[in-house]
Amino acid sequence: MQTEPTRVYWDACVLLSYINESSDRTPVIGQVLEEARQHVCELVTSTLSVVEVAFGAQEQTQSALDDSVLAKIDGLWKPGSVVRLVEFYFAIAQVARGLMRSALAKGWQLKPADAIHLGTAQHLHAGRFHTYDTSLKKYEDLTGLLITEPDALQPQLPGV
């Protein structure tokens, strides 16, 4: 009997860390990407990420665009990519709005983009929500999501 791969939602900041080749984050991100290629997990993100991942950090600081960076970004969304895009639609908007209202009732402020990401993951019943935004951790109870920095589902063997 084959089990379904764990659905892992990637917040845009994880994708940006991949594009920017953040040295402290790239090894784990690469391992999760490899797990997705091996169908250990299913990586998903909202189409909102296409807008949030518009350019790399170097492009932004230098105000100069680089075609190779755009090619790497577009590689995330191309057909056959291990990152599956999820369209933003009314049902997800309602979930996101509900999260924003619940957050306000707790005295928290949830930005619309973060609400869309959390709402999409919740709507899809993701097993994990990967982000480097530590302020989102407090939304675990509201969403039922395990919110962590990216981590591999399978431990890496020593020397591999």
N, C-alpha and C. Protein backbone atom coordinates (compact mmCIF):
# COMPACT_ATOMS: atom_id res chain seq x y z
N MET A 1 0.84 -1.18 0.00
CA MET A 1 0.00 0.00 0.00
C MET A 1 0.89 1.25 0.00
N GLN A 2 0.67 2.12 -0.97
CA GLN A 2 1.46 3.34 -1.10
C GLN A 2 0.79 4.48 -0.33
N THR A 3 1.58 5.18 0.47
CA THR A 3 1.03 6.31 1.22
C THR A 3 1.18 7.59 0.40
N GLU A 4 0.28 8.51 0.64
CA GLU A 4 0.35 9.81 -0.03
C GLU A 4 1.53 10.60 0.52
N PRO A 5 2.23 11.34 -0.34
CA PRO A 5 3.33 12.16 0.17
C PRO A 5 2.79 13.28 1.06
N THR A 6 3.57 13.68 2.04
CA THR A 6 3.19 14.78 2.92
C THR A 6 3.13 16.06 2.11
N ARG A 7 2.05 16.80 2.25
CA ARG A 7 1.92 18.08 1.55
C ARG A 7 2.60 19.14 2.39
N VAL A 8 3.57 19.81 1.78
CA VAL A 8 4.35 20.85 2.45
C VAL A 8 4.11 22.17 1.72
N TYR A 9 3.66 23.17 2.47
CA TYR A 9 3.42 24.49 1.91
C TYR A 9 4.66 25.34 2.11
N TRP A 10 5.11 25.99 1.04
CA TRP A 10 6.26 26.90 1.14
C TRP A 10 5.79 28.34 1.06
N ASP A 11 6.09 29.09 2.12
CA ASP A 11 5.89 30.53 2.14
C ASP A 11 6.87 31.16 1.15
N ALA A 12 6.57 32.34 0.64
CA ALA A 12 7.41 32.98 -0.36
C ALA A 12 8.84 33.21 0.13
N CYS A 13 9.02 33.40 1.43
CA CYS A 13 10.38 33.66 1.94
C CYS A 13 11.29 32.44 1.76
N VAL A 14 10.73 31.24 1.73
CA VAL A 14 11.53 30.05 1.47
C VAL A 14 11.99 30.06 0.01
N LEU A 15 11.08 30.39 -0.88
CA LEU A 15 11.41 30.47 -2.30
C LEU A 15 12.46 31.56 -2.56
N LEU A 16 12.33 32.69 -1.87
CA LEU A 16 13.32 33.76 -2.01
C LEU A 16 14.69 33.32 -1.49
N SER A 17 14.72 32.58 -0.41
CA SER A 17 15.99 32.07 0.10
C SER A 17 16.65 31.14 -0.92
N TYR A 18 15.85 30.36 -1.62
CA TYR A 18 16.36 29.49 -2.67
C TYR A 18 16.92 30.33 -3.82
N ILE A 19 16.17 31.33 -4.27
CA ILE A 19 16.61 32.19 -5.37
C ILE A 19 17.88 32.93 -4.99
N ASN A 20 17.94 33.42 -3.76
CA ASN A 20 19.09 34.20 -3.29
C ASN A 20 20.27 33.33 -2.87
N GLU A 21 20.09 32.01 -2.91
CA GLU A 21 21.14 31.06 -2.55
C GLU A 21 21.73 31.38 -1.18
N SER A 22 20.84 31.58 -0.22
CA SER A 22 21.25 31.86 1.16
C SER A 22 22.05 30.67 1.69
N SER A 23 23.32 30.90 1.96
CA SER A 23 24.23 29.79 2.28
C SER A 23 23.80 28.97 3.50
N ASP A 24 23.19 29.61 4.48
CA ASP A 24 22.78 28.87 5.68
C ASP A 24 21.46 28.11 5.47
N ARG A 25 20.74 28.43 4.42
CA ARG A 25 19.43 27.81 4.18
C ARG A 25 19.42 26.86 2.99
N THR A 26 20.30 27.08 2.03
CA THR A 26 20.29 26.32 0.78
C THR A 26 20.39 24.80 0.97
N PRO A 27 21.24 24.29 1.86
CA PRO A 27 21.32 22.82 1.99
C PRO A 27 19.99 22.17 2.36
N VAL A 28 19.28 22.73 3.32
CA VAL A 28 18.00 22.15 3.74
C VAL A 28 16.95 22.33 2.64
N ILE A 29 16.92 23.49 2.03
CA ILE A 29 15.97 23.73 0.94
C ILE A 29 16.23 22.72 -0.18
N GLY A 30 17.50 22.51 -0.50
CA GLY A 30 17.85 21.53 -1.53
C GLY A 30 17.40 20.13 -1.18
N GLN A 31 17.53 19.78 0.10
CA GLN A 31 17.11 18.45 0.55
C GLN A 31 15.59 18.29 0.43
N VAL A 32 14.84 19.32 0.78
CA VAL A 32 13.39 19.25 0.65
C VAL A 32 12.99 19.17 -0.83
N LEU A 33 13.67 19.93 -1.68
CA LEU A 33 13.40 19.84 -3.12
C LEU A 33 13.66 18.42 -3.64
N GLU A 34 14.72 17.80 -3.16
CA GLU A 34 15.03 16.43 -3.57
C GLU A 34 13.95 15.47 -3.07
N GLU A 35 13.46 15.68 -1.86
CA GLU A 35 12.37 14.84 -1.35
C GLU A 35 11.12 14.99 -2.22
N ALA A 36 10.87 16.20 -2.70
CA ALA A 36 9.73 16.41 -3.60
C ALA A 36 9.93 15.67 -4.91
N ARG A 37 11.17 15.70 -5.43
CA ARG A 37 11.46 14.96 -6.67
C ARG A 37 11.24 13.46 -6.49
N GLN A 38 11.51 12.98 -5.28
CA GLN A 38 11.35 11.55 -4.97
C GLN A 38 9.95 11.21 -4.47
N HIS A 39 9.05 12.19 -4.48
CA HIS A 39 7.66 12.02 -4.07
C HIS A 39 7.50 11.66 -2.60
N VAL A 40 8.48 12.07 -1.78
CA VAL A 40 8.37 11.93 -0.33
C VAL A 40 7.42 13.01 0.19
N CYS A 41 7.48 14.17 -0.46
CA CYS A 41 6.58 15.27 -0.11
C CYS A 41 6.08 15.92 -1.38
N GLU A 42 5.00 16.67 -1.22
CA GLU A 42 4.44 17.46 -2.31
C GLU A 42 4.59 18.92 -1.91
N LEU A 43 5.33 19.70 -2.68
CA LEU A 43 5.54 21.11 -2.39
C LEU A 43 4.47 21.94 -3.08
N VAL A 44 3.84 22.82 -2.31
CA VAL A 44 2.81 23.70 -2.86
C VAL A 44 3.04 25.13 -2.35
N THR A 45 2.58 26.08 -3.15
CA THR A 45 2.58 27.48 -2.75
C THR A 45 1.47 28.19 -3.52
N SER A 46 1.06 29.32 -3.02
CA SER A 46 0.02 30.12 -3.68
C SER A 46 0.59 30.83 -4.90
N THR A 47 -0.26 31.09 -5.88
CA THR A 47 0.16 31.90 -7.02
C THR A 47 0.59 33.30 -6.57
N LEU A 48 0.22 33.69 -5.38
CA LEU A 48 0.70 34.95 -4.80
C LEU A 48 2.23 34.97 -4.77
N SER A 49 2.84 33.82 -4.59
CA SER A 49 4.31 33.74 -4.54
C SER A 49 4.95 34.20 -5.84
N VAL A 50 4.25 34.04 -6.96
CA VAL A 50 4.79 34.48 -8.25
C VAL A 50 5.07 35.99 -8.21
N VAL A 51 4.21 36.73 -7.53
CA VAL A 51 4.38 38.18 -7.40
C VAL A 51 5.42 38.50 -6.32
N GLU A 52 5.38 37.78 -5.22
CA GLU A 52 6.30 38.06 -4.12
C GLU A 52 7.75 37.68 -4.47
N VAL A 53 7.92 36.72 -5.35
CA VAL A 53 9.26 36.31 -5.78
C VAL A 53 9.48 36.89 -7.18
N ALA A 54 9.57 38.21 -7.23
CA ALA A 54 9.71 38.92 -8.51
C ALA A 54 11.16 39.14 -8.91
N PHE A 55 12.05 39.18 -7.93
CA PHE A 55 13.47 39.41 -8.21
C PHE A 55 14.30 38.95 -7.03
N GLY A 56 15.58 38.78 -7.28
CA GLY A 56 16.49 38.37 -6.23
C GLY A 56 16.99 39.57 -5.44
N ALA A 57 17.62 39.28 -4.32
CA ALA A 57 18.12 40.34 -3.43
C ALA A 57 19.16 41.21 -4.11
N GLN A 58 20.05 40.60 -4.87
CA GLN A 58 21.09 41.38 -5.55
C GLN A 58 20.47 42.32 -6.59
N GLU A 59 19.47 41.85 -7.31
CA GLU A 59 18.77 42.71 -8.26
C GLU A 59 18.15 43.90 -7.54
N GLN A 60 17.56 43.64 -6.40
CA GLN A 60 16.89 44.70 -5.65
C GLN A 60 17.88 45.73 -5.13
N THR A 61 18.99 45.27 -4.56
CA THR A 61 19.95 46.22 -3.99
C THR A 61 20.68 47.01 -5.06
N GLN A 62 20.89 46.40 -6.23
CA GLN A 62 21.61 47.09 -7.30
C GLN A 62 20.67 47.78 -8.29
N SER A 63 19.37 47.59 -8.12
CA SER A 63 18.38 48.12 -9.06
C SER A 63 18.73 47.77 -10.51
N ALA A 64 19.23 46.56 -10.69
CA ALA A 64 19.59 46.06 -12.02
C ALA A 64 19.08 44.63 -12.16
N LEU A 65 18.32 44.40 -13.21
CA LEU A 65 17.75 43.08 -13.42
C LEU A 65 18.75 42.15 -14.09
N ASP A 66 18.63 40.85 -13.79
CA ASP A 66 19.54 39.83 -14.29
C ASP A 66 18.70 38.71 -14.90
N ASP A 67 18.88 38.46 -16.19
CA ASP A 67 18.08 37.44 -16.87
C ASP A 67 18.27 36.05 -16.28
N SER A 68 19.46 35.77 -15.74
CA SER A 68 19.69 34.44 -15.17
C SER A 68 18.87 34.26 -13.88
N VAL A 69 18.68 35.33 -13.13
CA VAL A 69 17.85 35.25 -11.92
C VAL A 69 16.39 35.02 -12.32
N LEU A 70 15.94 35.73 -13.34
CA LEU A 70 14.56 35.53 -13.80
C LEU A 70 14.36 34.10 -14.29
N ALA A 71 15.34 33.55 -14.97
CA ALA A 71 15.24 32.16 -15.44
C ALA A 71 15.13 31.20 -14.26
N LYS A 72 15.89 31.45 -13.19
CA LYS A 72 15.82 30.60 -12.00
C LYS A 72 14.45 30.73 -11.34
N ILE A 73 13.94 31.95 -11.26
CA ILE A 73 12.61 32.17 -10.69
C ILE A 73 11.56 31.45 -11.52
N ASP A 74 11.60 31.66 -12.84
CA ASP A 74 10.62 31.02 -13.72
C ASP A 74 10.70 29.50 -13.66
N GLY A 75 11.89 28.98 -13.36
CA GLY A 75 12.05 27.53 -13.21
C GLY A 75 11.22 26.96 -12.08
N LEU A 76 10.90 27.80 -11.09
CA LEU A 76 10.06 27.35 -9.98
C LEU A 76 8.63 27.06 -10.44
N TRP A 77 8.16 27.79 -11.45
CA TRP A 77 6.76 27.72 -11.85
C TRP A 77 6.53 26.94 -13.14
N LYS A 78 7.60 26.60 -13.84
CA LYS A 78 7.41 25.97 -15.15
C LYS A 78 6.73 24.61 -15.00
N PRO A 79 6.03 24.17 -16.05
CA PRO A 79 5.41 22.84 -16.00
C PRO A 79 6.46 21.77 -15.69
N GLY A 80 6.10 20.86 -14.83
CA GLY A 80 7.02 19.81 -14.44
C GLY A 80 7.85 20.15 -13.21
N SER A 81 7.76 21.38 -12.73
CA SER A 81 8.48 21.78 -11.53
C SER A 81 7.91 21.01 -10.33
N VAL A 82 8.74 20.79 -9.33
CA VAL A 82 8.26 20.10 -8.13
C VAL A 82 7.45 21.04 -7.22
N VAL A 83 7.47 22.32 -7.51
CA VAL A 83 6.67 23.28 -6.75
C VAL A 83 5.34 23.48 -7.50
N ARG A 84 4.25 23.06 -6.86
CA ARG A 84 2.94 23.18 -7.49
C ARG A 84 2.28 24.48 -7.05
N LEU A 85 1.81 25.25 -8.02
CA LEU A 85 1.11 26.49 -7.73
C LEU A 85 -0.36 26.22 -7.48
N VAL A 86 -0.91 26.91 -6.48
CA VAL A 86 -2.33 26.79 -6.15
C VAL A 86 -2.96 28.15 -6.40
N GLU A 87 -3.99 28.14 -7.22
CA GLU A 87 -4.69 29.39 -7.55
C GLU A 87 -5.38 29.96 -6.32
N PHE A 88 -5.37 31.27 -6.22
CA PHE A 88 -6.11 31.96 -5.17
C PHE A 88 -7.55 32.14 -5.66
N TYR A 89 -8.49 31.64 -4.90
CA TYR A 89 -9.89 31.74 -5.30
C TYR A 89 -10.75 32.00 -4.06
N PHE A 90 -12.06 32.15 -4.28
CA PHE A 90 -12.97 32.63 -3.25
C PHE A 90 -12.92 31.82 -1.96
N ALA A 91 -12.91 30.51 -2.05
CA ALA A 91 -12.92 29.68 -0.83
C ALA A 91 -11.66 29.94 0.01
N ILE A 92 -10.52 30.10 -0.65
CA ILE A 92 -9.28 30.41 0.08
C ILE A 92 -9.36 31.82 0.65
N ALA A 93 -9.95 32.75 -0.09
CA ALA A 93 -10.11 34.12 0.41
C ALA A 93 -10.94 34.13 1.69
N GLN A 94 -11.97 33.30 1.74
CA GLN A 94 -12.80 33.23 2.95
C GLN A 94 -12.02 32.67 4.13
N VAL A 95 -11.20 31.65 3.88
CA VAL A 95 -10.37 31.08 4.96
C VAL A 95 -9.40 32.15 5.45
N ALA A 96 -8.74 32.85 4.51
CA ALA A 96 -7.76 33.88 4.87
C ALA A 96 -8.42 35.01 5.67
N ARG A 97 -9.60 35.42 5.23
CA ARG A 97 -10.33 36.47 5.96
C ARG A 97 -10.67 36.00 7.36
N GLY A 98 -11.09 34.77 7.49
CA GLY A 98 -11.40 34.22 8.80
C GLY A 98 -10.18 34.21 9.72
N LEU A 99 -9.01 33.88 9.16
CA LEU A 99 -7.78 33.92 9.96
C LEU A 99 -7.46 35.33 10.41
N MET A 100 -7.66 36.31 9.52
CA MET A 100 -7.39 37.70 9.89
C MET A 100 -8.33 38.14 11.01
N ARG A 101 -9.58 37.73 10.95
CA ARG A 101 -10.55 38.10 11.98
C ARG A 101 -10.23 37.41 13.30
N SER A 102 -9.84 36.14 13.23
CA SER A 102 -9.46 35.42 14.45
C SER A 102 -8.21 36.02 15.08
N ALA A 103 -7.28 36.44 14.23
CA ALA A 103 -6.06 37.07 14.73
C ALA A 103 -6.39 38.38 15.46
N LEU A 104 -7.25 39.17 14.86
CA LEU A 104 -7.65 40.44 15.48
C LEU A 104 -8.29 40.20 16.84
N ALA A 105 -9.10 39.17 16.94
CA ALA A 105 -9.76 38.86 18.22
C ALA A 105 -8.74 38.49 19.30
N LYS A 106 -7.57 38.03 18.90
CA LYS A 106 -6.51 37.70 19.85
C LYS A 106 -5.56 38.89 20.08
N GLY A 107 -5.83 40.00 19.41
CA GLY A 107 -4.96 41.17 19.54
C GLY A 107 -3.75 41.12 18.63
N TRP A 108 -3.79 40.23 17.64
CA TRP A 108 -2.69 40.09 16.68
C TRP A 108 -3.08 40.79 15.39
N GLN A 109 -2.06 41.06 14.57
CA GLN A 109 -2.31 41.63 13.26
C GLN A 109 -1.72 40.70 12.21
N LEU A 110 -2.55 40.18 11.35
CA LEU A 110 -2.12 39.28 10.29
C LEU A 110 -2.26 40.01 8.96
N LYS A 111 -1.12 40.17 8.26
CA LYS A 111 -1.13 40.86 6.97
C LYS A 111 -1.86 40.01 5.93
N PRO A 112 -2.52 40.67 4.98
CA PRO A 112 -3.28 39.93 3.96
C PRO A 112 -2.45 38.87 3.22
N ALA A 113 -1.25 39.18 2.82
CA ALA A 113 -0.44 38.20 2.09
C ALA A 113 -0.15 36.98 2.96
N ASP A 114 0.18 37.20 4.23
CA ASP A 114 0.43 36.08 5.14
C ASP A 114 -0.85 35.28 5.36
N ALA A 115 -1.98 35.97 5.45
CA ALA A 115 -3.26 35.28 5.62
C ALA A 115 -3.58 34.41 4.41
N ILE A 116 -3.26 34.90 3.22
CA ILE A 116 -3.49 34.11 2.00
C ILE A 116 -2.62 32.85 2.02
N HIS A 117 -1.35 33.00 2.39
CA HIS A 117 -0.47 31.83 2.45
C HIS A 117 -0.97 30.82 3.50
N LEU A 118 -1.25 31.30 4.70
CA LEU A 118 -1.74 30.40 5.75
C LEU A 118 -3.09 29.78 5.37
N GLY A 119 -3.97 30.61 4.81
CA GLY A 119 -5.29 30.12 4.41
C GLY A 119 -5.22 29.09 3.30
N THR A 120 -4.31 29.28 2.37
CA THR A 120 -4.14 28.31 1.29
C THR A 120 -3.65 26.98 1.86
N ALA A 121 -2.65 27.04 2.72
CA ALA A 121 -2.12 25.82 3.34
C ALA A 121 -3.19 25.11 4.16
N GLN A 122 -3.96 25.87 4.91
CA GLN A 122 -5.02 25.28 5.73
C GLN A 122 -6.09 24.65 4.83
N HIS A 123 -6.49 25.37 3.79
CA HIS A 123 -7.51 24.87 2.87
C HIS A 123 -7.08 23.57 2.20
N LEU A 124 -5.78 23.45 1.93
CA LEU A 124 -5.24 22.25 1.26
C LEU A 124 -4.91 21.13 2.24
N HIS A 125 -5.12 21.37 3.52
CA HIS A 125 -4.78 20.38 4.55
C HIS A 125 -3.30 20.00 4.48
N ALA A 126 -2.45 21.01 4.35
CA ALA A 126 -1.00 20.76 4.31
C ALA A 126 -0.56 20.18 5.65
N GLY A 127 0.38 19.27 5.58
CA GLY A 127 0.91 18.68 6.81
C GLY A 127 1.91 19.60 7.49
N ARG A 128 2.56 20.44 6.68
CA ARG A 128 3.57 21.36 7.21
C ARG A 128 3.50 22.68 6.46
N PHE A 129 3.88 23.74 7.15
CA PHE A 129 3.99 25.08 6.56
C PHE A 129 5.40 25.55 6.83
N HIS A 130 6.20 25.65 5.77
CA HIS A 130 7.59 26.09 5.92
C HIS A 130 7.70 27.59 5.69
N THR A 131 8.37 28.25 6.63
CA THR A 131 8.59 29.69 6.53
C THR A 131 9.81 30.06 7.37
N TYR A 132 10.42 31.17 7.02
CA TYR A 132 11.48 31.73 7.87
C TYR A 132 10.94 32.91 8.69
N ASP A 133 9.66 33.19 8.56
CA ASP A 133 9.02 34.27 9.30
C ASP A 133 8.55 33.72 10.65
N THR A 134 9.36 33.93 11.67
CA THR A 134 9.07 33.36 12.99
C THR A 134 7.78 33.91 13.61
N SER A 135 7.33 35.07 13.15
CA SER A 135 6.09 35.64 13.71
C SER A 135 4.86 34.82 13.33
N LEU A 136 4.97 33.95 12.35
CA LEU A 136 3.82 33.14 11.93
C LEU A 136 3.62 31.90 12.79
N LYS A 137 4.62 31.53 13.59
CA LYS A 137 4.55 30.33 14.43
C LYS A 137 3.31 30.35 15.33
N LYS A 138 2.93 31.52 15.81
CA LYS A 138 1.80 31.60 16.74
C LYS A 138 0.47 31.24 16.09
N TYR A 139 0.44 31.10 14.77
CA TYR A 139 -0.80 30.76 14.07
C TYR A 139 -1.02 29.26 13.95
N GLU A 140 -0.17 28.45 14.58
CA GLU A 140 -0.35 27.00 14.52
C GLU A 140 -1.72 26.58 15.06
N ASP A 141 -2.10 27.11 16.22
CA ASP A 141 -3.36 26.71 16.84
C ASP A 141 -4.56 27.15 16.01
N LEU A 142 -4.48 28.33 15.40
CA LEU A 142 -5.60 28.83 14.58
C LEU A 142 -5.75 28.03 13.30
N THR A 143 -4.65 27.56 12.74
CA THR A 143 -4.68 26.90 11.44
C THR A 143 -4.64 25.38 11.50
N GLY A 144 -4.12 24.84 12.60
CA GLY A 144 -3.90 23.41 12.68
C GLY A 144 -2.69 22.95 11.89
N LEU A 145 -1.86 23.90 11.45
CA LEU A 145 -0.67 23.60 10.67
C LEU A 145 0.55 23.48 11.58
N LEU A 146 1.49 22.64 11.21
CA LEU A 146 2.79 22.62 11.85
C LEU A 146 3.64 23.64 11.11
N ILE A 147 3.96 24.75 11.78
CA ILE A 147 4.66 25.87 11.15
C ILE A 147 6.11 25.86 11.63
N THR A 148 7.03 25.61 10.70
CA THR A 148 8.44 25.50 11.03
C THR A 148 9.29 26.09 9.92
N GLU A 149 10.57 26.26 10.22
CA GLU A 149 11.52 26.53 9.15
C GLU A 149 11.61 25.27 8.32
N PRO A 150 12.04 25.38 7.06
CA PRO A 150 12.16 24.17 6.24
C PRO A 150 13.01 23.12 6.94
N ASP A 151 12.51 21.91 6.89
CA ASP A 151 13.24 20.76 7.42
C ASP A 151 12.88 19.56 6.58
N ALA A 152 13.82 18.67 6.43
CA ALA A 152 13.60 17.49 5.62
C ALA A 152 12.74 16.50 6.39
N LEU A 153 11.94 15.77 5.68
CA LEU A 153 11.10 14.75 6.30
C LEU A 153 11.90 13.50 6.63
N GLN A 154 12.90 13.22 5.80
CA GLN A 154 13.76 12.07 6.02
C GLN A 154 15.12 12.57 6.47
N PRO A 155 15.65 12.03 7.56
CA PRO A 155 16.97 12.46 8.00
C PRO A 155 18.03 12.12 6.96
N GLN A 156 18.96 13.05 6.77
CA GLN A 156 20.03 12.81 5.81
C GLN A 156 21.08 11.88 6.44
N LEU A 157 21.50 10.90 5.68
CA LEU A 157 22.50 9.96 6.18
C LEU A 157 23.86 10.63 6.28
N PRO A 158 24.66 10.28 7.27
CA PRO A 158 25.99 10.86 7.40
C PRO A 158 26.82 10.59 6.14
N GLY A 159 27.55 11.58 5.70
CA GLY A 159 28.42 11.44 4.55
C GLY A 159 27.71 11.52 3.22
N VAL A 160 26.39 11.82 3.24
CA VAL A 160 25.64 11.91 1.98
C VAL A 160 25.50 13.35 1.59
